[in-house]
Amino acid sequence: QSHPLIPEKPVPNDPRLSTIIGDSQPMRALKTLITRISDSPSSVLIVSESGTGKEVIARAIHQLSSRSNRPFVAINCASIPEALQESELFGYAKGAFTGASITGKVGLIQSANGGTLFLDEIGDLPLPLQAKLLRFLQERVIERVGGRDEIPVDVRIVCATHRDLKAQIKTGLFREDLYYSLAEIII
């Protein structure tokens, strides 16, 4: 029986999909879905076990999109020390804190401007930073740590997790409003 995501004809051998290995029916369905959503402005949430290639999928979405000639910035939310997460993601203004660069610093979100921002292990982001990320998603502006200026940033958000975010919502570890902003398309 036919499946709505599986094409009648095989997915073309697009070189931008060459990093996704496999030709089984589920892999063809995945490649078709990626092709269909690649130019959508909607946020994408990739949910899968650790080690299954979530970043490979995110990069394929970026490569197939009209943003492919712009930056692809990958951030592993679990690997940045909690004390540095806000300044790494949003940047900081000059003199924002002791030891800060005298010129300030562009954050990873702003460095993806015009391209794709991949937030890996989004389920590990602490609640205070989840609130700031949600504000960015709603307003599409960032405010650097210690700064007052709102800086517009145009990025496509793709994020990934191995965690059950709906269970984390029930236990108060993940914001429900952030989940729905990130999970406009779920893979």
Protein backbone atom coordinates (compact mmCIF):
# COMPACT_ATOMS: atom_id res chain seq x y z
CA GLN A 1 0.00 0.00 0.00
CA SER A 2 1.25 3.49 -0.78
CA HIS A 3 2.54 5.89 1.83
CA PRO A 4 1.99 9.67 1.45
CA LEU A 5 5.68 10.46 1.84
CA ILE A 6 7.00 7.78 -0.51
CA PRO A 7 7.14 8.88 -4.12
CA GLU A 8 5.79 6.76 -6.93
CA LYS A 9 9.22 7.06 -8.54
CA PRO A 10 12.51 6.75 -6.65
CA VAL A 11 14.01 9.93 -5.22
CA PRO A 12 16.43 11.38 -7.78
CA ASN A 13 20.11 10.86 -7.09
CA ASP A 14 20.62 14.39 -5.87
CA PRO A 15 24.27 14.75 -4.80
CA ARG A 16 23.14 16.90 -1.89
CA LEU A 17 21.50 13.78 -0.43
CA SER A 18 24.59 11.58 -0.92
CA THR A 19 25.50 11.71 2.77
CA ILE A 20 22.24 9.98 3.66
CA ILE A 21 23.00 6.31 3.16
CA GLY A 22 20.29 3.78 2.35
CA ASP A 23 17.64 3.01 -0.20
CA SER A 24 15.05 1.23 1.93
CA GLN A 25 11.46 2.42 1.87
CA PRO A 26 11.86 4.43 5.13
CA MET A 27 15.06 6.05 3.84
CA ARG A 28 13.39 6.99 0.55
CA ALA A 29 10.51 8.46 2.57
CA LEU A 30 12.99 10.44 4.67
CA LYS A 31 14.79 11.77 1.58
CA THR A 32 11.47 12.75 0.02
CA LEU A 33 10.38 14.53 3.20
CA ILE A 34 13.68 16.41 3.40
CA THR A 35 13.31 17.46 -0.23
CA ARG A 36 9.76 18.69 0.39
CA ILE A 37 10.52 20.72 3.51
CA SER A 38 13.94 22.09 2.59
CA ASP A 39 12.70 25.49 1.46
CA SER A 40 10.04 25.90 4.11
CA PRO A 41 10.69 28.65 6.66
CA SER A 42 9.29 26.37 9.38
CA SER A 43 11.45 25.14 12.25
CA VAL A 44 12.38 21.47 12.14
CA LEU A 45 12.80 19.12 15.10
CA ILE A 46 14.72 15.90 14.43
CA VAL A 47 14.06 13.25 17.07
CA SER A 48 16.19 10.13 17.09
CA GLU A 49 18.48 8.04 19.23
CA SER A 50 22.06 9.14 19.76
CA GLY A 51 24.44 8.32 16.93
CA THR A 52 21.87 8.06 14.15
CA GLY A 53 23.04 11.01 12.08
CA LYS A 54 20.73 13.85 13.06
CA GLU A 55 23.31 16.43 11.96
CA VAL A 56 23.60 14.68 8.58
CA ILE A 57 19.85 15.22 8.11
CA ALA A 58 20.12 18.87 9.24
CA ARG A 59 22.97 19.52 6.77
CA ALA A 60 20.98 17.89 3.95
CA ILE A 61 18.00 20.16 4.70
CA HIS A 62 20.35 23.16 4.56
CA GLN A 63 22.05 22.01 1.33
CA LEU A 64 18.68 21.57 -0.42
CA SER A 65 17.40 24.96 0.71
CA SER A 66 17.74 28.39 -0.84
CA ARG A 67 19.97 29.20 2.16
CA SER A 68 22.65 26.71 1.05
CA ASN A 69 25.10 29.44 0.05
CA ARG A 70 24.85 30.98 3.53
CA PRO A 71 26.30 29.66 6.83
CA PHE A 72 25.32 26.40 8.49
CA VAL A 73 26.15 26.80 12.17
CA ALA A 74 25.92 23.72 14.38
CA ILE A 75 25.74 24.10 18.14
CA ASN A 76 25.77 21.19 20.56
CA CYS A 77 23.75 22.58 23.46
CA ALA A 78 25.12 19.89 25.80
CA SER A 79 28.77 20.69 25.13
CA ILE A 80 28.83 24.39 26.05
CA PRO A 81 29.37 24.96 29.80
CA GLU A 82 26.19 26.38 31.32
CA ALA A 83 27.99 29.52 32.54
CA LEU A 84 29.01 30.36 28.96
CA GLN A 85 25.90 29.32 27.05
CA GLU A 86 24.18 32.71 26.90
CA SER A 87 27.27 34.60 25.75
CA GLU A 88 28.20 31.86 23.24
CA LEU A 89 24.72 31.77 21.71
CA PHE A 90 23.82 35.47 21.84
CA GLY A 91 27.23 37.11 21.98
CA TYR A 92 28.19 39.92 24.31
CA ALA A 93 28.68 43.66 24.17
CA LYS A 94 32.07 45.24 24.84
CA GLY A 95 32.90 45.30 28.53
CA ALA A 96 29.89 43.13 29.40
CA PHE A 97 31.81 41.30 32.11
CA THR A 98 35.30 40.92 33.53
CA GLY A 99 37.52 39.32 30.93
CA ALA A 100 35.20 40.20 28.05
CA SER A 101 36.78 41.31 24.80
CA ILE A 102 36.96 45.10 24.52
CA THR A 103 35.25 44.82 21.14
CA GLY A 104 32.49 42.42 22.23
CA LYS A 105 31.70 39.17 20.48
CA VAL A 106 29.21 37.99 17.86
CA GLY A 107 27.26 34.99 19.13
CA LEU A 108 26.70 31.74 17.27
CA ILE A 109 23.08 32.63 16.46
CA GLN A 110 24.09 35.87 14.75
CA SER A 111 26.94 34.12 12.92
CA ALA A 112 24.30 31.94 11.20
CA ASN A 113 22.49 35.03 9.84
CA GLY A 114 20.94 34.27 6.46
CA GLY A 115 21.60 30.55 6.84
CA THR A 116 20.65 27.63 9.05
CA LEU A 117 21.13 27.30 12.80
CA PHE A 118 21.35 23.69 13.98
CA LEU A 119 20.76 23.27 17.70
CA ASP A 120 21.82 19.74 18.59
CA GLU A 121 20.77 18.25 21.94
CA ILE A 122 18.16 21.00 22.41
CA GLY A 123 16.70 19.01 25.32
CA ASP A 124 19.82 19.82 27.36
CA LEU A 125 19.30 23.59 27.20
CA PRO A 126 18.65 25.06 30.69
CA LEU A 127 15.27 26.68 31.34
CA PRO A 128 16.51 30.31 31.57
CA LEU A 129 18.17 29.98 28.17
CA GLN A 130 15.04 28.31 26.78
CA ALA A 131 13.13 31.50 27.62
CA LYS A 132 15.68 33.66 25.81
CA LEU A 133 15.69 31.33 22.78
CA LEU A 134 11.88 31.46 22.67
CA ARG A 135 11.97 35.25 22.63
CA PHE A 136 14.42 35.11 19.73
CA LEU A 137 12.15 32.72 17.82
CA GLN A 138 9.15 35.00 18.35
CA GLU A 139 10.84 38.34 17.66
CA ARG A 140 13.74 37.26 15.39
CA VAL A 141 16.04 39.68 17.19
CA ILE A 142 18.84 39.03 19.66
CA GLU A 143 20.22 41.13 22.44
CA ARG A 144 23.85 40.51 23.34
CA VAL A 145 24.78 39.93 26.97
CA GLY A 146 25.38 43.37 28.47
CA GLY A 147 23.97 45.07 25.40
CA ARG A 148 20.86 47.12 24.83
CA ASP A 149 20.55 47.01 21.06
CA GLU A 150 18.19 44.56 19.36
CA ILE A 151 19.93 42.93 16.41
CA PRO A 152 17.71 41.35 13.73
CA VAL A 153 18.78 37.84 12.71
CA ASP A 154 17.30 35.79 9.88
CA VAL A 155 17.95 32.07 10.37
CA ARG A 156 16.20 28.78 9.69
CA ILE A 157 16.09 26.73 12.87
CA VAL A 158 16.74 23.00 12.76
CA CYS A 159 17.19 21.27 16.08
CA ALA A 160 17.67 17.73 17.28
CA THR A 161 17.31 15.65 20.40
CA HIS A 162 17.42 12.09 21.61
CA ARG A 163 15.24 13.04 24.59
CA ASP A 164 11.48 12.74 24.94
CA LEU A 165 10.70 16.46 25.04
CA LYS A 166 7.00 15.89 25.78
CA ALA A 167 7.99 13.97 28.92
CA GLN A 168 10.39 16.80 29.83
CA ILE A 169 7.52 19.27 29.43
CA LYS A 170 5.45 17.26 31.94
CA THR A 171 8.31 17.29 34.46
CA GLY A 172 9.00 21.01 33.97
CA LEU A 173 12.40 20.56 32.31
CA PHE A 174 11.37 21.89 28.89
CA ARG A 175 9.06 24.76 27.97
CA GLU A 176 5.93 23.73 26.12
CA ASP A 177 5.76 26.99 24.17
CA LEU A 178 9.37 26.52 23.02
CA TYR A 179 8.60 22.95 21.97
CA TYR A 180 5.78 24.10 19.69
CA SER A 181 7.97 26.85 18.22
CA LEU A 182 10.71 24.35 17.42
CA ALA A 183 8.54 21.43 16.33
CA GLU A 184 6.66 22.98 13.40
CA ILE A 185 7.94 20.03 11.35
CA ILE A 186 9.02 16.83 13.13
CA ILE A 187 11.30 14.21 11.61
